[in-house]
Amino acid sequence: KSRIVNLVQKWNLPEDRKIIMLPARFTEWKGHEFLIEALTKVKSEFCCILVGSDHGHNQFRERIESKIIESKLDGKVKMVGLCQDMPAAYAISNVVISSSIRPEAFGRISIETQSFGKIIIATKIGGSLETIIDEKTGFLVFPGDSGKLAELIDKVLNLSESEANEIGLAARDNVEKNFSCKKMCEKTIEVYKSV
């Protein structure tokens, strides 16, 4: 609890708004601009935190800062930089976004989010297609469909506690059954045995 409180204070997060998190380094293909475009269409009250380093992509980071201001989201979107306590960051989030606009081979965000029993909204490409069960353990959206992403964010932010918990439990179960180290090793050995 103290780690969560420390992070909330460090990032100066409002207590009266639900938290949306995009944990991703600042690079164009991670979909920051796609998310910001969607956030202009979200009807619910929210605070969105962009967590991650710019890894030397200063110009892209500055472009995102400008887009936030141009979109009149400067009071709702915070760029908080690198986080050394991601478990606490997941704990304070109501919904986590993986908005990549190019396919990732696997992508840890969706697995990490589900392992914490949190709700993920991810783009319907790459590894997310295999790690998220759409509308059961999270939600999938086509890259670039900012209207649908906004609709899904509103849907998740307005779920009842029991509805959110149901998805969170299914998400955690999905990770335990399919993505544990033990399961990964078993599946790898099965491949070798089948050759």
N, C-alpha and C. Protein backbone atom coordinates (compact mmCIF):
# COMPACT_ATOMS: atom_id res chain seq x y z
N LYS A 1 0.83 -1.21 0.00
CA LYS A 1 0.00 0.00 0.00
C LYS A 1 0.86 1.26 0.00
N SER A 2 1.95 1.24 0.76
CA SER A 2 2.79 2.43 0.84
C SER A 2 3.43 2.74 -0.51
N ARG A 3 3.77 1.70 -1.29
CA ARG A 3 4.36 1.91 -2.62
C ARG A 3 3.34 2.55 -3.55
N ILE A 4 2.09 2.14 -3.45
CA ILE A 4 1.02 2.73 -4.27
C ILE A 4 0.83 4.20 -3.90
N VAL A 5 0.76 4.47 -2.60
CA VAL A 5 0.58 5.84 -2.12
C VAL A 5 1.74 6.72 -2.60
N ASN A 6 2.97 6.19 -2.50
CA ASN A 6 4.15 6.95 -2.93
C ASN A 6 4.08 7.31 -4.41
N LEU A 7 3.63 6.36 -5.23
CA LEU A 7 3.55 6.59 -6.67
C LEU A 7 2.45 7.60 -7.01
N VAL A 8 1.31 7.48 -6.35
CA VAL A 8 0.21 8.43 -6.55
C VAL A 8 0.67 9.84 -6.21
N GLN A 9 1.41 9.97 -5.11
CA GLN A 9 1.90 11.28 -4.70
C GLN A 9 2.98 11.79 -5.65
N LYS A 10 3.90 10.92 -6.02
CA LYS A 10 4.99 11.31 -6.92
C LYS A 10 4.45 11.82 -8.25
N TRP A 11 3.43 11.14 -8.78
CA TRP A 11 2.86 11.53 -10.07
C TRP A 11 1.72 12.53 -9.92
N ASN A 12 1.38 12.90 -8.68
CA ASN A 12 0.32 13.86 -8.42
C ASN A 12 -0.99 13.47 -9.13
N LEU A 13 -1.43 12.23 -8.88
CA LEU A 13 -2.62 11.71 -9.54
C LEU A 13 -3.88 12.12 -8.78
N PRO A 14 -4.93 12.47 -9.51
CA PRO A 14 -6.18 12.85 -8.83
C PRO A 14 -6.88 11.62 -8.25
N GLU A 15 -7.47 11.78 -7.09
CA GLU A 15 -8.15 10.66 -6.44
C GLU A 15 -9.56 10.46 -6.96
N ASP A 16 -10.10 11.46 -7.67
CA ASP A 16 -11.49 11.38 -8.12
C ASP A 16 -11.63 10.96 -9.58
N ARG A 17 -10.54 10.50 -10.20
CA ARG A 17 -10.63 10.06 -11.59
C ARG A 17 -10.06 8.67 -11.75
N LYS A 18 -10.59 7.94 -12.71
CA LYS A 18 -10.05 6.61 -13.01
C LYS A 18 -8.78 6.79 -13.84
N ILE A 19 -7.88 5.82 -13.67
CA ILE A 19 -6.55 5.92 -14.27
C ILE A 19 -6.42 4.98 -15.48
N ILE A 20 -5.99 5.59 -16.58
CA ILE A 20 -5.65 4.87 -17.81
C ILE A 20 -4.14 4.89 -17.90
N MET A 21 -3.51 3.75 -18.19
CA MET A 21 -2.05 3.73 -18.30
C MET A 21 -1.61 3.15 -19.64
N LEU A 22 -0.67 3.85 -20.28
CA LEU A 22 0.03 3.31 -21.44
C LEU A 22 1.49 3.13 -21.02
N PRO A 23 1.90 1.89 -20.73
CA PRO A 23 3.30 1.66 -20.38
C PRO A 23 4.08 1.28 -21.64
N ALA A 24 4.84 2.24 -22.18
CA ALA A 24 5.57 1.98 -23.42
C ALA A 24 6.64 3.05 -23.61
N ARG A 25 7.79 2.63 -24.11
CA ARG A 25 8.82 3.63 -24.40
C ARG A 25 8.32 4.55 -25.52
N PHE A 26 8.84 5.74 -25.54
CA PHE A 26 8.39 6.73 -26.51
C PHE A 26 9.02 6.48 -27.87
N THR A 27 8.28 5.78 -28.69
CA THR A 27 8.68 5.54 -30.07
C THR A 27 7.39 5.46 -30.89
N GLU A 28 7.47 5.87 -32.13
CA GLU A 28 6.26 6.08 -32.94
C GLU A 28 5.35 4.85 -33.03
N TRP A 29 5.92 3.66 -33.15
CA TRP A 29 5.09 2.48 -33.39
C TRP A 29 4.36 1.97 -32.14
N LYS A 30 4.63 2.56 -30.97
CA LYS A 30 3.92 2.16 -29.75
C LYS A 30 2.51 2.77 -29.66
N GLY A 31 2.18 3.70 -30.58
CA GLY A 31 0.80 4.17 -30.69
C GLY A 31 0.37 5.27 -29.74
N HIS A 32 1.31 6.07 -29.25
CA HIS A 32 0.94 7.19 -28.37
C HIS A 32 -0.05 8.14 -29.05
N GLU A 33 0.22 8.46 -30.31
CA GLU A 33 -0.65 9.40 -31.03
C GLU A 33 -2.04 8.81 -31.25
N PHE A 34 -2.10 7.53 -31.53
CA PHE A 34 -3.37 6.82 -31.68
C PHE A 34 -4.18 6.92 -30.39
N LEU A 35 -3.53 6.69 -29.25
CA LEU A 35 -4.23 6.78 -27.96
C LEU A 35 -4.71 8.20 -27.70
N ILE A 36 -3.86 9.19 -27.94
CA ILE A 36 -4.25 10.58 -27.67
C ILE A 36 -5.45 10.97 -28.52
N GLU A 37 -5.45 10.55 -29.78
CA GLU A 37 -6.61 10.83 -30.64
C GLU A 37 -7.88 10.21 -30.05
N ALA A 38 -7.77 8.98 -29.55
CA ALA A 38 -8.93 8.31 -28.93
C ALA A 38 -9.37 9.04 -27.67
N LEU A 39 -8.42 9.51 -26.87
CA LEU A 39 -8.75 10.17 -25.61
C LEU A 39 -9.56 11.45 -25.82
N THR A 40 -9.41 12.09 -26.97
CA THR A 40 -10.22 13.30 -27.24
C THR A 40 -11.69 12.95 -27.39
N LYS A 41 -12.00 11.66 -27.61
CA LYS A 41 -13.38 11.22 -27.83
C LYS A 41 -13.98 10.52 -26.61
N VAL A 42 -13.17 10.31 -25.57
CA VAL A 42 -13.65 9.62 -24.36
C VAL A 42 -14.56 10.57 -23.58
N LYS A 43 -15.72 10.06 -23.18
CA LYS A 43 -16.72 10.89 -22.48
C LYS A 43 -16.53 10.87 -20.97
N SER A 44 -15.97 9.80 -20.44
CA SER A 44 -15.79 9.66 -18.99
C SER A 44 -14.66 10.55 -18.49
N GLU A 45 -14.70 10.85 -17.19
CA GLU A 45 -13.59 11.56 -16.57
C GLU A 45 -12.44 10.57 -16.38
N PHE A 46 -11.22 11.02 -16.64
CA PHE A 46 -10.07 10.13 -16.53
C PHE A 46 -8.80 10.93 -16.31
N CYS A 47 -7.77 10.20 -15.92
CA CYS A 47 -6.40 10.71 -15.94
C CYS A 47 -5.58 9.62 -16.63
N CYS A 48 -4.86 9.98 -17.67
CA CYS A 48 -4.05 9.01 -18.41
C CYS A 48 -2.58 9.26 -18.11
N ILE A 49 -1.88 8.19 -17.74
CA ILE A 49 -0.44 8.31 -17.51
C ILE A 49 0.32 7.58 -18.60
N LEU A 50 1.28 8.28 -19.20
CA LEU A 50 2.17 7.70 -20.21
C LEU A 50 3.47 7.37 -19.49
N VAL A 51 3.70 6.08 -19.29
CA VAL A 51 4.83 5.61 -18.50
C VAL A 51 5.90 5.05 -19.43
N GLY A 52 7.11 5.58 -19.33
CA GLY A 52 8.19 5.04 -20.15
C GLY A 52 9.23 6.08 -20.50
N SER A 53 10.39 5.60 -20.89
CA SER A 53 11.50 6.46 -21.25
C SER A 53 11.41 6.84 -22.73
N ASP A 54 12.05 7.95 -23.08
CA ASP A 54 12.07 8.31 -24.50
C ASP A 54 13.26 7.66 -25.22
N HIS A 55 14.16 7.00 -24.50
CA HIS A 55 15.31 6.31 -25.09
C HIS A 55 16.00 7.15 -26.16
N GLY A 56 16.12 8.43 -25.90
CA GLY A 56 16.79 9.31 -26.85
C GLY A 56 15.91 9.82 -27.98
N HIS A 57 14.64 9.42 -27.99
CA HIS A 57 13.71 9.90 -29.01
C HIS A 57 13.08 11.23 -28.54
N ASN A 58 13.94 12.22 -28.31
CA ASN A 58 13.48 13.50 -27.75
C ASN A 58 12.46 14.19 -28.64
N GLN A 59 12.71 14.16 -29.96
CA GLN A 59 11.79 14.85 -30.88
C GLN A 59 10.41 14.22 -30.85
N PHE A 60 10.35 12.89 -30.77
CA PHE A 60 9.05 12.22 -30.71
C PHE A 60 8.34 12.57 -29.40
N ARG A 61 9.08 12.56 -28.32
CA ARG A 61 8.49 12.92 -27.01
C ARG A 61 7.93 14.34 -27.06
N GLU A 62 8.68 15.26 -27.64
CA GLU A 62 8.21 16.64 -27.76
C GLU A 62 6.96 16.73 -28.64
N ARG A 63 6.92 15.90 -29.69
CA ARG A 63 5.74 15.86 -30.56
C ARG A 63 4.51 15.41 -29.77
N ILE A 64 4.70 14.41 -28.90
CA ILE A 64 3.59 13.93 -28.07
C ILE A 64 3.14 15.02 -27.09
N GLU A 65 4.10 15.70 -26.49
CA GLU A 65 3.77 16.80 -25.57
C GLU A 65 2.93 17.86 -26.29
N SER A 66 3.33 18.21 -27.51
CA SER A 66 2.59 19.20 -28.31
C SER A 66 1.20 18.70 -28.65
N LYS A 67 1.10 17.41 -29.02
CA LYS A 67 -0.20 16.84 -29.39
C LYS A 67 -1.16 16.85 -28.19
N ILE A 68 -0.64 16.59 -27.01
CA ILE A 68 -1.46 16.62 -25.79
C ILE A 68 -2.04 18.02 -25.59
N ILE A 69 -1.19 19.03 -25.75
CA ILE A 69 -1.63 20.42 -25.58
C ILE A 69 -2.62 20.82 -26.67
N GLU A 70 -2.28 20.50 -27.93
CA GLU A 70 -3.17 20.82 -29.06
C GLU A 70 -4.53 20.17 -28.92
N SER A 71 -4.56 18.97 -28.33
CA SER A 71 -5.80 18.21 -28.16
C SER A 71 -6.57 18.62 -26.91
N LYS A 72 -6.05 19.63 -26.21
CA LYS A 72 -6.67 20.14 -24.97
C LYS A 72 -6.79 19.04 -23.91
N LEU A 73 -5.75 18.20 -23.82
CA LEU A 73 -5.72 17.12 -22.85
C LEU A 73 -4.65 17.33 -21.78
N ASP A 74 -4.04 18.53 -21.76
CA ASP A 74 -2.92 18.75 -20.85
C ASP A 74 -3.28 18.58 -19.38
N GLY A 75 -4.53 18.70 -19.00
CA GLY A 75 -4.92 18.44 -17.62
C GLY A 75 -5.29 16.99 -17.37
N LYS A 76 -5.39 16.22 -18.45
CA LYS A 76 -5.86 14.83 -18.31
C LYS A 76 -4.79 13.79 -18.63
N VAL A 77 -3.74 14.17 -19.34
CA VAL A 77 -2.69 13.23 -19.73
C VAL A 77 -1.37 13.68 -19.12
N LYS A 78 -0.70 12.75 -18.43
CA LYS A 78 0.57 13.06 -17.79
C LYS A 78 1.67 12.15 -18.34
N MET A 79 2.79 12.74 -18.69
CA MET A 79 3.97 11.97 -19.09
C MET A 79 4.84 11.85 -17.85
N VAL A 80 4.92 10.64 -17.30
CA VAL A 80 5.56 10.48 -15.99
C VAL A 80 6.96 9.87 -16.05
N GLY A 81 7.42 9.53 -17.25
CA GLY A 81 8.78 9.01 -17.40
C GLY A 81 8.89 7.54 -16.99
N LEU A 82 10.13 7.14 -16.78
CA LEU A 82 10.43 5.75 -16.42
C LEU A 82 9.92 5.43 -15.03
N CYS A 83 9.41 4.23 -14.85
CA CYS A 83 8.89 3.80 -13.54
C CYS A 83 9.68 2.59 -13.06
N GLN A 84 10.20 2.69 -11.85
CA GLN A 84 10.96 1.59 -11.26
C GLN A 84 10.07 0.61 -10.49
N ASP A 85 8.79 0.94 -10.33
CA ASP A 85 7.88 0.07 -9.56
C ASP A 85 6.61 -0.20 -10.39
N MET A 86 6.77 -1.01 -11.43
CA MET A 86 5.64 -1.29 -12.31
C MET A 86 4.50 -2.04 -11.61
N PRO A 87 4.77 -2.94 -10.66
CA PRO A 87 3.63 -3.55 -9.95
C PRO A 87 2.71 -2.51 -9.32
N ALA A 88 3.28 -1.46 -8.72
CA ALA A 88 2.46 -0.39 -8.13
C ALA A 88 1.74 0.38 -9.22
N ALA A 89 2.40 0.60 -10.36
CA ALA A 89 1.76 1.32 -11.48
C ALA A 89 0.56 0.54 -12.00
N TYR A 90 0.70 -0.77 -12.14
CA TYR A 90 -0.44 -1.58 -12.57
C TYR A 90 -1.55 -1.53 -11.52
N ALA A 91 -1.16 -1.56 -10.26
CA ALA A 91 -2.15 -1.58 -9.18
C ALA A 91 -3.03 -0.33 -9.17
N ILE A 92 -2.48 0.83 -9.54
CA ILE A 92 -3.28 2.06 -9.51
C ILE A 92 -4.10 2.27 -10.77
N SER A 93 -3.87 1.43 -11.78
CA SER A 93 -4.54 1.61 -13.07
C SER A 93 -5.89 0.89 -13.12
N ASN A 94 -6.87 1.55 -13.72
CA ASN A 94 -8.17 0.92 -13.96
C ASN A 94 -8.20 0.21 -15.30
N VAL A 95 -7.44 0.73 -16.25
CA VAL A 95 -7.35 0.11 -17.57
C VAL A 95 -5.96 0.39 -18.13
N VAL A 96 -5.39 -0.62 -18.78
CA VAL A 96 -4.06 -0.49 -19.38
C VAL A 96 -4.23 -0.60 -20.89
N ILE A 97 -3.50 0.24 -21.60
CA ILE A 97 -3.58 0.29 -23.06
C ILE A 97 -2.29 -0.21 -23.67
N SER A 98 -2.42 -1.04 -24.69
CA SER A 98 -1.29 -1.43 -25.53
C SER A 98 -1.69 -1.05 -26.95
N SER A 99 -1.26 0.14 -27.36
CA SER A 99 -1.78 0.74 -28.59
C SER A 99 -0.83 0.66 -29.78
N SER A 100 0.04 -0.33 -29.79
CA SER A 100 1.02 -0.47 -30.88
C SER A 100 0.33 -0.46 -32.24
N ILE A 101 0.94 0.24 -33.17
CA ILE A 101 0.36 0.32 -34.52
C ILE A 101 1.06 -0.63 -35.48
N ARG A 102 2.12 -1.30 -35.00
CA ARG A 102 2.77 -2.37 -35.76
C ARG A 102 2.81 -3.61 -34.88
N PRO A 103 2.70 -4.80 -35.48
CA PRO A 103 2.65 -6.03 -34.67
C PRO A 103 3.91 -6.26 -33.84
N GLU A 104 3.70 -6.65 -32.60
CA GLU A 104 4.80 -7.08 -31.74
C GLU A 104 4.76 -8.61 -31.71
N ALA A 105 5.94 -9.20 -31.63
CA ALA A 105 6.01 -10.66 -31.63
C ALA A 105 5.27 -11.26 -30.43
N PHE A 106 5.41 -10.65 -29.29
CA PHE A 106 4.72 -11.16 -28.10
C PHE A 106 4.12 -10.00 -27.32
N GLY A 107 4.94 -9.15 -26.80
CA GLY A 107 4.44 -8.00 -26.05
C GLY A 107 4.11 -8.36 -24.62
N ARG A 108 4.93 -7.90 -23.69
CA ARG A 108 4.74 -8.25 -22.28
C ARG A 108 3.57 -7.52 -21.64
N ILE A 109 3.21 -6.36 -22.16
CA ILE A 109 2.21 -5.54 -21.47
C ILE A 109 0.91 -6.30 -21.25
N SER A 110 0.44 -7.01 -22.27
CA SER A 110 -0.85 -7.70 -22.12
C SER A 110 -0.78 -8.81 -21.07
N ILE A 111 0.35 -9.51 -21.01
CA ILE A 111 0.50 -10.58 -20.02
C ILE A 111 0.65 -9.99 -18.62
N GLU A 112 1.48 -8.96 -18.49
CA GLU A 112 1.66 -8.34 -17.18
C GLU A 112 0.34 -7.78 -16.65
N THR A 113 -0.40 -7.10 -17.52
CA THR A 113 -1.68 -6.52 -17.12
C THR A 113 -2.63 -7.60 -16.61
N GLN A 114 -2.77 -8.67 -17.40
CA GLN A 114 -3.68 -9.75 -17.02
C GLN A 114 -3.22 -10.44 -15.74
N SER A 115 -1.89 -10.56 -15.56
CA SER A 115 -1.39 -11.23 -14.35
C SER A 115 -1.75 -10.45 -13.10
N PHE A 116 -1.92 -9.13 -13.22
CA PHE A 116 -2.34 -8.30 -12.10
C PHE A 116 -3.86 -8.24 -11.96
N GLY A 117 -4.58 -8.96 -12.82
CA GLY A 117 -6.04 -8.96 -12.76
C GLY A 117 -6.63 -7.64 -13.22
N LYS A 118 -5.90 -6.94 -14.08
CA LYS A 118 -6.35 -5.66 -14.60
C LYS A 118 -6.87 -5.83 -16.02
N ILE A 119 -7.60 -4.83 -16.50
CA ILE A 119 -8.20 -4.92 -17.83
C ILE A 119 -7.28 -4.27 -18.85
N ILE A 120 -7.03 -4.99 -19.94
CA ILE A 120 -6.19 -4.52 -21.03
C ILE A 120 -7.04 -4.24 -22.27
N ILE A 121 -6.74 -3.14 -22.94
CA ILE A 121 -7.27 -2.89 -24.28
C ILE A 121 -6.05 -2.82 -25.18
N ALA A 122 -5.99 -3.68 -26.18
CA ALA A 122 -4.81 -3.75 -27.04
C ALA A 122 -5.23 -3.75 -28.50
N THR A 123 -4.27 -3.41 -29.34
CA THR A 123 -4.55 -3.45 -30.77
C THR A 123 -4.59 -4.89 -31.24
N LYS A 124 -5.44 -5.12 -32.21
CA LYS A 124 -5.76 -6.45 -32.72
C LYS A 124 -4.73 -6.89 -33.76
N ILE A 125 -3.46 -6.94 -33.32
CA ILE A 125 -2.35 -7.34 -34.18
C ILE A 125 -1.29 -8.05 -33.35
N GLY A 126 -0.46 -8.82 -34.00
CA GLY A 126 0.68 -9.46 -33.34
C GLY A 126 0.31 -10.36 -32.19
N GLY A 127 1.16 -10.36 -31.18
CA GLY A 127 1.00 -11.27 -30.05
C GLY A 127 -0.28 -11.11 -29.26
N SER A 128 -0.86 -9.92 -29.27
CA SER A 128 -2.10 -9.68 -28.51
C SER A 128 -3.23 -10.62 -28.95
N LEU A 129 -3.20 -11.01 -30.22
CA LEU A 129 -4.23 -11.93 -30.74
C LEU A 129 -4.16 -13.28 -30.05
N GLU A 130 -2.98 -13.64 -29.54
CA GLU A 130 -2.81 -14.94 -28.87
C GLU A 130 -2.85 -14.84 -27.36
N THR A 131 -2.63 -13.65 -26.82
CA THR A 131 -2.54 -13.53 -25.36
C THR A 131 -3.81 -12.98 -24.70
N ILE A 132 -4.67 -12.36 -25.49
CA ILE A 132 -5.91 -11.78 -24.95
C ILE A 132 -7.11 -12.48 -25.56
N ILE A 133 -8.04 -12.88 -24.72
CA ILE A 133 -9.31 -13.44 -25.21
C ILE A 133 -10.29 -12.27 -25.26
N ASP A 134 -10.59 -11.82 -26.48
CA ASP A 134 -11.38 -10.61 -26.67
C ASP A 134 -12.73 -10.70 -25.95
N GLU A 135 -13.02 -9.65 -25.19
CA GLU A 135 -14.26 -9.48 -24.43
C GLU A 135 -14.39 -10.45 -23.26
N LYS A 136 -13.30 -11.19 -22.96
CA LYS A 136 -13.32 -12.07 -21.78
C LYS A 136 -12.18 -11.70 -20.82
N THR A 137 -10.96 -11.62 -21.35
CA THR A 137 -9.82 -11.26 -20.50
C THR A 137 -9.31 -9.85 -20.82
N GLY A 138 -9.92 -9.21 -21.76
CA GLY A 138 -9.54 -7.88 -22.20
C GLY A 138 -10.29 -7.55 -23.48
N PHE A 139 -9.84 -6.52 -24.17
CA PHE A 139 -10.53 -6.08 -25.38
C PHE A 139 -9.52 -5.78 -26.48
N LEU A 140 -9.92 -6.06 -27.72
CA LEU A 140 -9.05 -5.82 -28.87
C LEU A 140 -9.69 -4.80 -29.81
N VAL A 141 -8.85 -3.98 -30.42
CA VAL A 141 -9.32 -2.94 -31.33
C VAL A 141 -8.33 -2.83 -32.49
N PHE A 142 -8.83 -2.56 -33.68
CA PHE A 142 -7.93 -2.40 -34.82
C PHE A 142 -7.11 -1.13 -34.68
N PRO A 143 -5.82 -1.18 -35.03
CA PRO A 143 -4.99 0.02 -34.96
C PRO A 143 -5.59 1.13 -35.82
N GLY A 144 -5.59 2.33 -35.29
CA GLY A 144 -6.10 3.47 -36.03
C GLY A 144 -7.58 3.75 -35.82
N ASP A 145 -8.31 2.80 -35.25
CA ASP A 145 -9.75 3.00 -35.03
C ASP A 145 -9.95 3.72 -33.69
N SER A 146 -9.67 5.03 -33.70
CA SER A 146 -9.71 5.80 -32.46
C SER A 146 -11.11 5.89 -31.87
N GLY A 147 -12.14 5.86 -32.72
CA GLY A 147 -13.51 5.89 -32.22
C GLY A 147 -13.83 4.65 -31.41
N LYS A 148 -13.43 3.48 -31.91
CA LYS A 148 -13.67 2.23 -31.20
C LYS A 148 -12.84 2.15 -29.92
N LEU A 149 -11.59 2.63 -29.99
CA LEU A 149 -10.76 2.63 -28.78
C LEU A 149 -11.39 3.51 -27.71
N ALA A 150 -11.88 4.67 -28.09
CA ALA A 150 -12.55 5.56 -27.13
C ALA A 150 -13.78 4.89 -26.54
N GLU A 151 -14.54 4.22 -27.39
CA GLU A 151 -15.75 3.51 -26.94
C GLU A 151 -15.40 2.43 -25.92
N LEU A 152 -14.32 1.68 -26.19
CA LEU A 152 -13.91 0.62 -25.26
C LEU A 152 -13.39 1.20 -23.94
N ILE A 153 -12.66 2.31 -24.02
CA ILE A 153 -12.18 2.95 -22.79
C ILE A 153 -13.37 3.38 -21.94
N ASP A 154 -14.35 4.02 -22.57
CA ASP A 154 -15.56 4.42 -21.83
C ASP A 154 -16.25 3.21 -21.22
N LYS A 155 -16.34 2.13 -21.99
CA LYS A 155 -17.00 0.91 -21.51
C LYS A 155 -16.30 0.39 -20.25
N VAL A 156 -14.97 0.29 -20.31
CA VAL A 156 -14.22 -0.24 -19.17
C VAL A 156 -14.31 0.69 -17.97
N LEU A 157 -14.19 1.99 -18.19
CA LEU A 157 -14.24 2.94 -17.07
C LEU A 157 -15.60 2.97 -16.39
N ASN A 158 -16.62 2.49 -17.09
CA ASN A 158 -17.97 2.50 -16.52
C ASN A 158 -18.46 1.13 -16.07
N LEU A 159 -17.58 0.13 -16.08
CA LEU A 159 -17.96 -1.19 -15.56
C LEU A 159 -18.20 -1.11 -14.06
N SER A 160 -19.11 -1.92 -13.59
CA SER A 160 -19.29 -2.02 -12.14
C SER A 160 -18.07 -2.74 -11.56
N GLU A 161 -17.89 -2.63 -10.27
CA GLU A 161 -16.76 -3.30 -9.63
C GLU A 161 -16.80 -4.81 -9.86
N SER A 162 -18.01 -5.40 -9.78
CA SER A 162 -18.12 -6.85 -9.98
C SER A 162 -17.81 -7.24 -11.42
N GLU A 163 -18.23 -6.41 -12.39
CA GLU A 163 -17.93 -6.70 -13.81
C GLU A 163 -16.43 -6.60 -14.06
N ALA A 164 -15.78 -5.58 -13.51
CA ALA A 164 -14.34 -5.42 -13.68
C ALA A 164 -13.59 -6.57 -13.02
N ASN A 165 -14.05 -6.98 -11.84
CA ASN A 165 -13.41 -8.10 -11.14
C ASN A 165 -13.55 -9.40 -11.90
N GLU A 166 -14.69 -9.60 -12.54
CA GLU A 166 -14.92 -10.82 -13.32
C GLU A 166 -13.92 -10.91 -14.48
N ILE A 167 -13.72 -9.80 -15.18
CA ILE A 167 -12.74 -9.78 -16.28
C ILE A 167 -11.33 -9.96 -15.71
N GLY A 168 -11.04 -9.29 -14.61
CA GLY A 168 -9.72 -9.40 -13.98
C GLY A 168 -9.40 -10.82 -13.56
N LEU A 169 -10.36 -11.53 -13.00
CA LEU A 169 -10.14 -12.92 -12.59
C LEU A 169 -9.94 -13.82 -13.80
N ALA A 170 -10.71 -13.61 -14.86
CA ALA A 170 -10.54 -14.39 -16.09
C ALA A 170 -9.17 -14.12 -16.70
N ALA A 171 -8.73 -12.87 -16.63
CA ALA A 171 -7.42 -12.48 -17.17
C ALA A 171 -6.30 -13.18 -16.40
N ARG A 172 -6.39 -13.14 -15.08
CA ARG A 172 -5.37 -13.79 -14.24
C ARG A 172 -5.34 -15.30 -14.52
N ASP A 173 -6.51 -15.90 -14.64
CA ASP A 173 -6.62 -17.33 -14.93
C ASP A 173 -5.99 -17.66 -16.29
N ASN A 174 -6.21 -16.81 -17.27
CA ASN A 174 -5.63 -16.99 -18.60
C ASN A 174 -4.11 -17.04 -18.54
N VAL A 175 -3.51 -16.13 -17.77
CA VAL A 175 -2.05 -16.09 -17.64
C VAL A 175 -1.55 -17.33 -16.91
N GLU A 176 -2.20 -17.69 -15.80
CA GLU A 176 -1.75 -18.84 -15.03
C GLU A 176 -1.82 -20.13 -15.84
N LYS A 177 -2.88 -20.28 -16.64
CA LYS A 177 -3.05 -21.52 -17.42
C LYS A 177 -2.19 -21.60 -18.67
N ASN A 178 -1.88 -20.45 -19.25
CA ASN A 178 -1.23 -20.47 -20.56
C ASN A 178 0.14 -19.82 -20.66
N PHE A 179 0.51 -18.98 -19.68
CA PHE A 179 1.74 -18.21 -19.86
C PHE A 179 2.68 -18.24 -18.66
N SER A 180 2.56 -19.27 -17.84
CA SER A 180 3.51 -19.40 -16.73
C SER A 180 4.84 -19.93 -17.29
N CYS A 181 5.92 -19.79 -16.52
CA CYS A 181 7.22 -20.33 -16.95
C CYS A 181 7.13 -21.84 -17.15
N LYS A 182 6.40 -22.50 -16.25
CA LYS A 182 6.25 -23.95 -16.35
C LYS A 182 5.56 -24.33 -17.66
N LYS A 183 4.47 -23.62 -17.99
CA LYS A 183 3.72 -23.91 -19.22
C LYS A 183 4.59 -23.63 -20.45
N MET A 184 5.35 -22.54 -20.41
CA MET A 184 6.23 -22.20 -21.52
C MET A 184 7.27 -23.31 -21.76
N CYS A 185 7.86 -23.80 -20.67
CA CYS A 185 8.85 -24.88 -20.80
C CYS A 185 8.21 -26.15 -21.34
N GLU A 186 7.03 -26.48 -20.83
CA GLU A 186 6.33 -27.68 -21.31
C GLU A 186 6.04 -27.60 -22.80
N LYS A 187 5.57 -26.44 -23.26
CA LYS A 187 5.24 -26.27 -24.68
C LYS A 187 6.50 -26.31 -25.55
N THR A 188 7.59 -25.78 -25.04
CA THR A 188 8.85 -25.81 -25.78
C THR A 188 9.34 -27.25 -25.93
N ILE A 189 9.28 -28.00 -24.84
CA ILE A 189 9.70 -29.41 -24.87
C ILE A 189 8.81 -30.21 -25.83
N GLU A 190 7.51 -29.92 -25.84
CA GLU A 190 6.59 -30.59 -26.77
C GLU A 190 7.03 -30.38 -28.21
N VAL A 191 7.48 -29.18 -28.54
CA VAL A 191 7.94 -28.89 -29.91
C VAL A 191 9.15 -29.76 -30.24
N TYR A 192 10.11 -29.85 -29.33
CA TYR A 192 11.30 -30.68 -29.58
C TYR A 192 10.93 -32.15 -29.73
N LYS A 193 10.00 -32.61 -28.92
CA LYS A 193 9.59 -34.02 -28.98
C LYS A 193 8.83 -34.34 -30.26
N SER A 194 8.17 -33.35 -30.85
CA SER A 194 7.37 -33.61 -32.04
C SER A 194 8.20 -33.67 -33.33
N VAL A 195 9.47 -33.28 -33.25
CA VAL A 195 10.31 -33.24 -34.46
C VAL A 195 10.93 -34.59 -34.73
